[in-house]
PDB file of N, CA and C in Angstrom:
ATOM      1  N   MET A   1      36.648  -7.063 206.220  1.00  0.00           N
ATOM      2  CA  MET A   1      36.476  -8.304 206.604  1.00  0.00           C
ATOM      3  C   MET A   1      37.970  -8.620 207.852  1.00  0.00           C
ATOM      4  N   GLN A   2      37.896  -9.459 208.105  1.00  0.00           N
ATOM      5  CA  GLN A   2      38.893  -9.921 209.813  1.00  0.00           C
ATOM      6  C   GLN A   2      40.080 -11.029 208.300  1.00  0.00           C
ATOM      7  N   THR A   3      41.270 -10.090 208.704  1.00  0.00           N
ATOM      8  CA  THR A   3      42.855 -10.713 208.415  1.00  0.00           C
ATOM      9  C   THR A   3      43.988 -10.739 209.489  1.00  0.00           C
ATOM     10  N   THR A   4      44.277 -11.320 209.629  1.00  0.00           N
ATOM     11  CA  THR A   4      45.230 -12.028 209.254  1.00  0.00           C
ATOM     12  C   THR A   4      46.754 -11.468 209.056  1.00  0.00           C
ATOM     13  N   ILE A   5      47.514 -10.512 209.829  1.00  0.00           N
ATOM     14  CA  ILE A   5      48.734  -9.907 209.411  1.00  0.00           C
ATOM     15  C   ILE A   5      48.891 -10.000 210.290  1.00  0.00           C
ATOM     16  N   ARG A   6      51.047 -10.668 209.451  1.00  0.00           N
ATOM     17  CA  ARG A   6      51.909 -11.080 210.675  1.00  0.00           C
ATOM     18  C   ARG A   6      53.097 -10.461 209.534  1.00  0.00           C
ATOM     19  N   TYR A   7      54.099 -10.028 211.024  1.00  0.00           N
ATOM     20  CA  TYR A   7      55.398  -9.341 210.875  1.00  0.00           C
ATOM     21  C   TYR A   7      56.214 -10.005 210.691  1.00  0.00           C
ATOM     22  N   PHE A   8      57.723  -9.367 210.081  1.00  0.00           N
ATOM     23  CA  PHE A   8      58.688 -10.533 209.920  1.00  0.00           C
ATOM     24  C   PHE A   8      59.753  -9.838 210.656  1.00  0.00           C
ATOM     25  N   ALA A   9      61.165 -10.117 211.607  1.00  0.00           N
ATOM     26  CA  ALA A   9      62.147  -9.101 211.061  1.00  0.00           C
ATOM     27  C   ALA A   9      61.737  -7.894 212.292  1.00  0.00           C
ATOM     28  N   SER A  10      62.691  -6.789 210.816  1.00  0.00           N
ATOM     29  CA  SER A  10      62.500  -5.227 211.245  1.00  0.00           C
ATOM     30  C   SER A  10      61.036  -4.801 211.315  1.00  0.00           C
ATOM     31  N   VAL A  11      60.335  -5.251 210.284  1.00  0.00           N
ATOM     32  CA  VAL A  11      58.569  -4.934 210.040  1.00  0.00           C
ATOM     33  C   VAL A  11      58.456  -5.517 212.183  1.00  0.00           C
ATOM     34  N   ARG A  12      58.567  -6.540 212.701  1.00  0.00           N
ATOM     35  CA  ARG A  12      57.727  -7.172 213.763  1.00  0.00           C
ATOM     36  C   ARG A  12      58.328  -5.522 214.788  1.00  0.00           C
ATOM     37  N   GLU A  13      60.011  -5.595 214.729  1.00  0.00           N
ATOM     38  CA  GLU A  13      60.400  -5.380 215.324  1.00  0.00           C
ATOM     39  C   GLU A  13      59.990  -3.062 215.506  1.00  0.00           C
ATOM     40  N   ALA A  14      59.666  -2.706 214.523  1.00  0.00           N
ATOM     41  CA  ALA A  14      59.241  -1.361 214.667  1.00  0.00           C
ATOM     42  C   ALA A  14      57.650  -0.971 215.449  1.00  0.00           C
ATOM     43  N   VAL A  15      57.434  -2.723 214.847  1.00  0.00           N
ATOM     44  CA  VAL A  15      55.335  -2.596 214.868  1.00  0.00           C
ATOM     45  C   VAL A  15      55.250  -2.469 216.511  1.00  0.00           C
ATOM     46  N   GLY A  16      56.308  -3.868 216.531  1.00  0.00           N
ATOM     47  CA  GLY A  16      55.856  -4.018 218.544  1.00  0.00           C
ATOM     48  C   GLY A  16      55.015  -5.179 218.802  1.00  0.00           C
ATOM     49  N   CYS A  17      54.469  -6.035 217.663  1.00  0.00           N
ATOM     50  CA  CYS A  17      54.629  -7.510 217.478  1.00  0.00           C
ATOM     51  C   CYS A  17      54.217  -8.460 216.760  1.00  0.00           C
ATOM     52  N   ALA A  18      54.095  -9.491 217.155  1.00  0.00           N
ATOM     53  CA  ALA A  18      54.237 -10.209 215.708  1.00  0.00           C
ATOM     54  C   ALA A  18      52.988 -10.803 214.723  1.00  0.00           C
ATOM     55  N   SER A  19      52.106 -10.562 215.098  1.00  0.00           N
ATOM     56  CA  SER A  19      51.054 -10.662 214.179  1.00  0.00           C
ATOM     57  C   SER A  19      49.911 -10.042 214.868  1.00  0.00           C
ATOM     58  N   GLU A  20      48.555  -9.866 213.892  1.00  0.00           N
ATOM     59  CA  GLU A  20      47.204  -9.501 214.750  1.00  0.00           C
ATOM     60  C   GLU A  20      46.773  -9.166 213.980  1.00  0.00           C
ATOM     61  N   THR A  21      44.979  -9.862 213.990  1.00  0.00           N
ATOM     62  CA  THR A  21      44.063  -9.921 213.176  1.00  0.00           C
ATOM     63  C   THR A  21      43.635  -8.285 213.754  1.00  0.00           C
ATOM     64  N   VAL A  22      43.142  -8.352 212.591  1.00  0.00           N
ATOM     65  CA  VAL A  22      42.420  -6.860 212.003  1.00  0.00           C
ATOM     66  C   VAL A  22      41.048  -6.964 210.834  1.00  0.00           C
ATOM     67  N   ASP A  23      39.472  -6.317 211.321  1.00  0.00           N
ATOM     68  CA  ASP A  23      38.691  -6.041 210.771  1.00  0.00           C
ATOM     69  C   ASP A  23      39.356  -5.189 209.034  1.00  0.00           C
ATOM     70  N   LEU A  24      39.431  -5.153 208.221  1.00  0.00           N
ATOM     71  CA  LEU A  24      39.662  -4.469 207.640  1.00  0.00           C
ATOM     72  C   LEU A  24      38.381  -3.544 206.685  1.00  0.00           C
ATOM     73  N   PRO A  25      38.052  -2.439 206.269  1.00  0.00           N
ATOM     74  CA  PRO A  25      37.092  -1.602 205.775  1.00  0.00           C
ATOM     75  C   PRO A  25      37.261  -2.602 203.896  1.00  0.00           C
ATOM     76  N   ASP A  26      35.971  -2.371 204.241  1.00  0.00           N
ATOM     77  CA  ASP A  26      35.126  -2.467 202.480  1.00  0.00           C
ATOM     78  C   ASP A  26      36.579  -1.057 201.169  1.00  0.00           C
ATOM     79  N   SER A  27      36.726  -0.658 201.442  1.00  0.00           N
ATOM     80  CA  SER A  27      37.328   0.005 200.639  1.00  0.00           C
ATOM     81  C   SER A  27      39.024  -0.665 200.286  1.00  0.00           C
ATOM     82  N   VAL A  28      39.649  -1.457 201.149  1.00  0.00           N
ATOM     83  CA  VAL A  28      40.022  -1.494 201.358  1.00  0.00           C
ATOM     84  C   VAL A  28      40.614  -3.520 200.062  1.00  0.00           C
ATOM     85  N   ARG A  29      40.709  -3.109 199.225  1.00  0.00           N
ATOM     86  CA  ARG A  29      40.672  -4.400 197.449  1.00  0.00           C
ATOM     87  C   ARG A  29      42.031  -4.610 197.381  1.00  0.00           C
ATOM     88  N   THR A  30      43.643  -4.056 197.959  1.00  0.00           N
ATOM     89  CA  THR A  30      44.535  -4.858 197.198  1.00  0.00           C
ATOM     90  C   THR A  30      45.044  -4.690 198.848  1.00  0.00           C
ATOM     91  N   LEU A  31      46.741  -5.145 198.665  1.00  0.00           N
ATOM     92  CA  LEU A  31      47.435  -5.743 199.326  1.00  0.00           C
ATOM     93  C   LEU A  31      47.994  -3.937 199.152  1.00  0.00           C
ATOM     94  N   ALA A  32      48.668  -3.228 198.860  1.00  0.00           N
ATOM     95  CA  ALA A  32      49.195  -2.058 198.649  1.00  0.00           C
ATOM     96  C   ALA A  32      47.890  -0.698 199.892  1.00  0.00           C
ATOM     97  N   ASP A  33      46.982  -0.479 199.126  1.00  0.00           N
ATOM     98  CA  ASP A  33      45.238  -0.889 200.443  1.00  0.00           C
ATOM     99  C   ASP A  33      45.407  -1.398 201.569  1.00  0.00           C
ATOM    100  N   ALA A  34      45.923  -2.832 202.134  1.00  0.00           N
ATOM    101  CA  ALA A  34      45.608  -3.136 203.001  1.00  0.00           C
ATOM    102  C   ALA A  34      46.926  -2.323 203.596  1.00  0.00           C
ATOM    103  N   ARG A  35      48.513  -1.921 203.072  1.00  0.00           N
ATOM    104  CA  ARG A  35      49.541  -1.914 203.651  1.00  0.00           C
ATOM    105  C   ARG A  35      49.589   0.312 204.195  1.00  0.00           C
ATOM    106  N   ALA A  36      48.258   1.005 203.548  1.00  0.00           N
ATOM    107  CA  ALA A  36      48.668   2.383 204.034  1.00  0.00           C
ATOM    108  C   ALA A  36      47.297   2.376 204.797  1.00  0.00           C
ATOM    109  N   TRP A  37      45.962   1.203 204.790  1.00  0.00           N
ATOM    110  CA  TRP A  37      45.800   1.530 206.406  1.00  0.00           C
ATOM    111  C   TRP A  37      46.528   1.154 207.412  1.00  0.00           C
ATOM    112  N   LEU A  38      46.931  -0.086 207.246  1.00  0.00           N
ATOM    113  CA  LEU A  38      47.968  -0.289 207.948  1.00  0.00           C
ATOM    114  C   LEU A  38      49.012   0.369 208.701  1.00  0.00           C
ATOM    115  N   ALA A  39      49.637   0.881 208.051  1.00  0.00           N
ATOM    116  CA  ALA A  39      50.395   2.956 208.453  1.00  0.00           C
ATOM    117  C   ALA A  39      50.149   4.099 209.371  1.00  0.00           C
ATOM    118  N   ALA A  40      48.872   3.691 208.555  1.00  0.00           N
ATOM    119  CA  ALA A  40      48.364   4.943 209.133  1.00  0.00           C
ATOM    120  C   ALA A  40      47.122   4.180 210.566  1.00  0.00           C
ATOM    121  N   ARG A  41      47.815   2.918 211.354  1.00  0.00           N
ATOM    122  CA  ARG A  41      46.944   3.387 212.518  1.00  0.00           C
ATOM    123  C   ARG A  41      48.048   3.691 213.831  1.00  0.00           C
ATOM    124  N   SER A  42      48.775   3.764 213.560  1.00  0.00           N
ATOM    125  CA  SER A  42      49.990   4.234 214.568  1.00  0.00           C
ATOM    126  C   SER A  42      51.311   4.228 213.940  1.00  0.00           C
ATOM    127  N   GLU A  43      51.858   5.642 214.265  1.00  0.00           N
ATOM    128  CA  GLU A  43      53.498   5.676 214.462  1.00  0.00           C
ATOM    129  C   GLU A  43      54.279   4.877 214.207  1.00  0.00           C
ATOM    130  N   ARG A  44      54.082   3.791 215.703  1.00  0.00           N
ATOM    131  CA  ARG A  44      54.385   2.289 215.204  1.00  0.00           C
ATOM    132  C   ARG A  44      54.547   1.707 213.796  1.00  0.00           C
ATOM    133  N   HIS A  45      53.188   1.511 213.307  1.00  0.00           N
ATOM    134  CA  HIS A  45      53.128   1.036 211.775  1.00  0.00           C
ATOM    135  C   HIS A  45      53.484   1.722 211.068  1.00  0.00           C
ATOM    136  N   ALA A  46      52.953   3.198 211.573  1.00  0.00           N
ATOM    137  CA  ALA A  46      54.036   4.612 210.235  1.00  0.00           C
ATOM    138  C   ALA A  46      55.702   3.620 209.665  1.00  0.00           C
ATOM    139  N   ALA A  47      56.032   4.127 210.945  1.00  0.00           N
ATOM    140  CA  ALA A  47      57.373   3.168 210.399  1.00  0.00           C
ATOM    141  C   ALA A  47      57.468   2.159 210.424  1.00  0.00           C
ATOM    142  N   ALA A  48      56.890   1.514 210.628  1.00  0.00           N
ATOM    143  CA  ALA A  48      57.524  -0.887 210.405  1.00  0.00           C
ATOM    144  C   ALA A  48      56.237  -0.140 208.577  1.00  0.00           C
ATOM    145  N   LEU A  49      55.791   0.337 208.108  1.00  0.00           N
ATOM    146  CA  LEU A  49      55.270   0.155 206.871  1.00  0.00           C
ATOM    147  C   LEU A  49      54.854   1.629 206.296  1.00  0.00           C
ATOM    148  N   GLY A  50      55.795   1.752 206.685  1.00  0.00           N
ATOM    149  CA  GLY A  50      55.217   3.507 205.300  1.00  0.00           C
ATOM    150  C   GLY A  50      55.173   3.558 203.954  1.00  0.00           C
ATOM    151  N   ALA A  51      55.548   3.821 203.153  1.00  0.00           N
ATOM    152  CA  ALA A  51      55.649   4.281 201.742  1.00  0.00           C
ATOM    153  C   ALA A  51      56.913   3.894 201.210  1.00  0.00           C
ATOM    154  N   THR A  52      57.700   4.887 201.524  1.00  0.00           N
ATOM    155  CA  THR A  52      59.366   5.042 201.709  1.00  0.00           C
ATOM    156  C   THR A  52      59.604   3.310 201.584  1.00  0.00           C
ATOM    157  N   ARG A  53      59.513   2.241 202.805  1.00  0.00           N
ATOM    158  CA  ARG A  53      60.168   1.487 202.540  1.00  0.00           C
ATOM    159  C   ARG A  53      59.935   0.020 202.162  1.00  0.00           C
ATOM    160  N   VAL A  54      61.662  -0.397 201.741  1.00  0.00           N
ATOM    161  CA  VAL A  54      61.023  -2.032 200.768  1.00  0.00           C
ATOM    162  C   VAL A  54      60.409  -3.000 201.748  1.00  0.00           C
ATOM    163  N   LEU A  55      59.402  -3.177 200.920  1.00  0.00           N
ATOM    164  CA  LEU A  55      58.776  -4.581 202.077  1.00  0.00           C
ATOM    165  C   LEU A  55      58.907  -5.402 201.496  1.00  0.00           C
ATOM    166  N   ARG A  56      58.879  -6.618 200.997  1.00  0.00           N
ATOM    167  CA  ARG A  56      57.907  -8.025 199.818  1.00  0.00           C
ATOM    168  C   ARG A  56      56.723  -8.457 200.764  1.00  0.00           C
ATOM    169  N   VAL A  57      55.579  -8.445 200.421  1.00  0.00           N
ATOM    170  CA  VAL A  57      54.292  -9.439 200.851  1.00  0.00           C
ATOM    171  C   VAL A  57      54.165 -10.590 200.645  1.00  0.00           C
ATOM    172  N   ALA A  58      53.768 -11.536 201.823  1.00  0.00           N
ATOM    173  CA  ALA A  58      52.921 -12.638 200.832  1.00  0.00           C
ATOM    174  C   ALA A  58      51.545 -12.419 201.772  1.00  0.00           C
ATOM    175  N   CYS A  59      50.633 -13.911 200.690  1.00  0.00           N
ATOM    176  CA  CYS A  59      49.732 -13.463 200.536  1.00  0.00           C
ATOM    177  C   CYS A  59      49.534 -15.442 201.013  1.00  0.00           C
ATOM    178  N   ASP A  60      48.652 -15.460 202.079  1.00  0.00           N
ATOM    179  CA  ASP A  60      49.009 -16.984 202.225  1.00  0.00           C
ATOM    180  C   ASP A  60      49.429 -18.511 201.539  1.00  0.00           C
ATOM    181  N   HIS A  61      50.824 -17.120 202.016  1.00  0.00           N
ATOM    182  CA  HIS A  61      52.082 -17.382 202.383  1.00  0.00           C
ATOM    183  C   HIS A  61      53.040 -17.578 200.376  1.00  0.00           C
ATOM    184  N   VAL A  62      52.221 -16.869 199.802  1.00  0.00           N
ATOM    185  CA  VAL A  62      52.547 -17.145 198.235  1.00  0.00           C
ATOM    186  C   VAL A  62      53.237 -15.595 198.181  1.00  0.00           C
ATOM    187  N   MET A  63      54.665 -15.616 197.430  1.00  0.00           N
ATOM    188  CA  MET A  63      54.911 -13.942 197.214  1.00  0.00           C
ATOM    189  C   MET A  63      53.708 -12.898 197.053  1.00  0.00           C
ATOM    190  N   VAL A  64      53.239 -12.055 196.208  1.00  0.00           N
ATOM    191  CA  VAL A  64      52.651 -11.247 195.821  1.00  0.00           C
ATOM    192  C   VAL A  64      52.961  -9.883 195.452  1.00  0.00           C
ATOM    193  N   ALA A  65      52.152  -9.215 194.065  1.00  0.00           N
ATOM    194  CA  ALA A  65      52.637  -7.994 194.016  1.00  0.00           C
ATOM    195  C   ALA A  65      51.506  -7.290 194.715  1.00  0.00           C
ATOM    196  N   ALA A  66      52.274  -5.780 195.237  1.00  0.00           N
ATOM    197  CA  ALA A  66      50.573  -4.400 195.870  1.00  0.00           C
ATOM    198  C   ALA A  66      49.547  -4.747 195.707  1.00  0.00           C
ATOM    199  N   ASP A  67      49.745  -5.108 193.703  1.00  0.00           N
ATOM    200  CA  ASP A  67      48.136  -4.468 193.158  1.00  0.00           C
ATOM    201  C   ASP A  67      47.566  -5.592 193.339  1.00  0.00           C
ATOM    202  N   ALA A  68      47.238  -7.131 194.336  1.00  0.00           N
ATOM    203  CA  ALA A  68      47.077  -7.963 194.063  1.00  0.00           C
ATOM    204  C   ALA A  68      45.988  -7.867 195.075  1.00  0.00           C
ATOM    205  N   PRO A  69      44.577  -8.422 194.119  1.00  0.00           N
ATOM    206  CA  PRO A  69      43.622  -8.206 194.757  1.00  0.00           C
ATOM    207  C   PRO A  69      44.187  -8.580 195.989  1.00  0.00           C
ATOM    208  N   LEU A  70      42.902  -8.225 196.895  1.00  0.00           N
ATOM    209  CA  LEU A  70      42.781  -9.050 198.588  1.00  0.00           C
ATOM    210  C   LEU A  70      41.724  -9.645 198.738  1.00  0.00           C
ATOM    211  N   GLN A  71      41.947 -11.281 199.127  1.00  0.00           N
ATOM    212  CA  GLN A  71      40.065 -12.063 198.887  1.00  0.00           C
ATOM    213  C   GLN A  71      39.880 -11.562 200.995  1.00  0.00           C
ATOM    214  N   PRO A  72      38.706 -11.567 201.503  1.00  0.00           N
ATOM    215  CA  PRO A  72      38.425 -11.915 202.763  1.00  0.00           C
ATOM    216  C   PRO A  72      39.162 -13.179 202.989  1.00  0.00           C
ATOM    217  N   GLY A  73      39.505 -13.325 205.050  1.00  0.00           N
ATOM    218  CA  GLY A  73      40.168 -14.617 205.316  1.00  0.00           C
ATOM    219  C   GLY A  73      41.375 -14.864 205.218  1.00  0.00           C
ATOM    220  N   ARG A  74      42.234 -14.024 204.285  1.00  0.00           N
ATOM    221  CA  ARG A  74      43.644 -14.627 203.723  1.00  0.00           C
ATOM    222  C   ARG A  74      44.593 -13.798 204.440  1.00  0.00           C
ATOM    223  N   GLU A  75      45.544 -14.256 204.718  1.00  0.00           N
ATOM    224  CA  GLU A  75      46.917 -14.742 205.278  1.00  0.00           C
ATOM    225  C   GLU A  75      47.912 -12.821 205.150  1.00  0.00           C
ATOM    226  N   LEU A  76      48.097 -12.225 205.767  1.00  0.00           N
ATOM    227  CA  LEU A  76      49.392 -10.935 205.442  1.00  0.00           C
ATOM    228  C   LEU A  76      50.393 -11.354 205.901  1.00  0.00           C
ATOM    229  N   ALA A  77      51.454 -11.004 205.595  1.00  0.00           N
ATOM    230  CA  ALA A  77      52.550 -11.016 205.751  1.00  0.00           C
ATOM    231  C   ALA A  77      53.883 -10.232 204.951  1.00  0.00           C
ATOM    232  N   PHE A  78      54.290  -9.204 205.874  1.00  0.00           N
ATOM    233  CA  PHE A  78      55.195  -8.097 204.972  1.00  0.00           C
ATOM    234  C   PHE A  78      56.724  -8.402 206.380  1.00  0.00           C
ATOM    235  N   PHE A  79      57.888  -8.434 205.703  1.00  0.00           N
ATOM    236  CA  PHE A  79      58.773  -8.619 205.577  1.00  0.00           C
ATOM    237  C   PHE A  79      59.679  -7.487 204.605  1.00  0.00           C
ATOM    238  N   PRO A  80      61.354  -7.291 205.088  1.00  0.00           N
ATOM    239  CA  PRO A  80      62.133  -7.346 204.357  1.00  0.00           C
ATOM    240  C   PRO A  80      62.455  -7.360 203.271  1.00  0.00           C
ATOM    241  N   PRO A  81      63.558  -7.558 202.243  1.00  0.00           N
ATOM    242  CA  PRO A  81      63.855  -8.313 200.760  1.00  0.00           C
ATOM    243  C   PRO A  81      64.351  -9.654 201.574  1.00  0.00           C
ATOM    244  N   VAL A  82      64.963  -9.349 202.901  1.00  0.00           N
ATOM    245  CA  VAL A  82      66.380 -10.590 203.346  1.00  0.00           C
ATOM    246  C   VAL A  82      65.892 -10.117 204.681  1.00  0.00           C
ATOM    247  N   THR A  83      65.757 -11.941 204.931  1.00  0.00           N
ATOM    248  CA  THR A  83      65.530 -11.336 206.332  1.00  0.00           C
ATOM    249  C   THR A  83      66.887 -12.587 206.287  1.00  0.00           C
ATOM    250  N   GLY A  84      67.067 -13.328 207.548  1.00  0.00           N
ATOM    251  CA  GLY A  84      68.224 -14.233 208.056  1.00  0.00           C
ATOM    252  C   GLY A  84      67.681 -15.047 209.792  1.00  0.00           C
ATOM    253  N   GLY A  85      67.685 -16.895 209.401  1.00  0.00           N
ATOM    254  CA  GLY A  85      68.448 -16.385 211.200  1.00  0.00           C
ATOM    255  C   GLY A  85      67.137 -16.307 211.749  1.00  0.00           C
TER     256      GLY A  85
END
């Protein structure tokens, strides 16, 4: 499923881009699955999205829990718990 991923603050700096569009495999069913799949894509993604990093995630501009189901065509955003300016 094609999904737009947005990265903010230190996550954006670690990944090296503000956003990307990816085709998530059918096995990705939750936001946690999407995060794990993205983290496995590269060392930069792993540093930004690894399981030890505390991150917030939004789906279509609404804060959601990691176990929330992922629907086709949604926009995901990852960012640290506190961002500024």
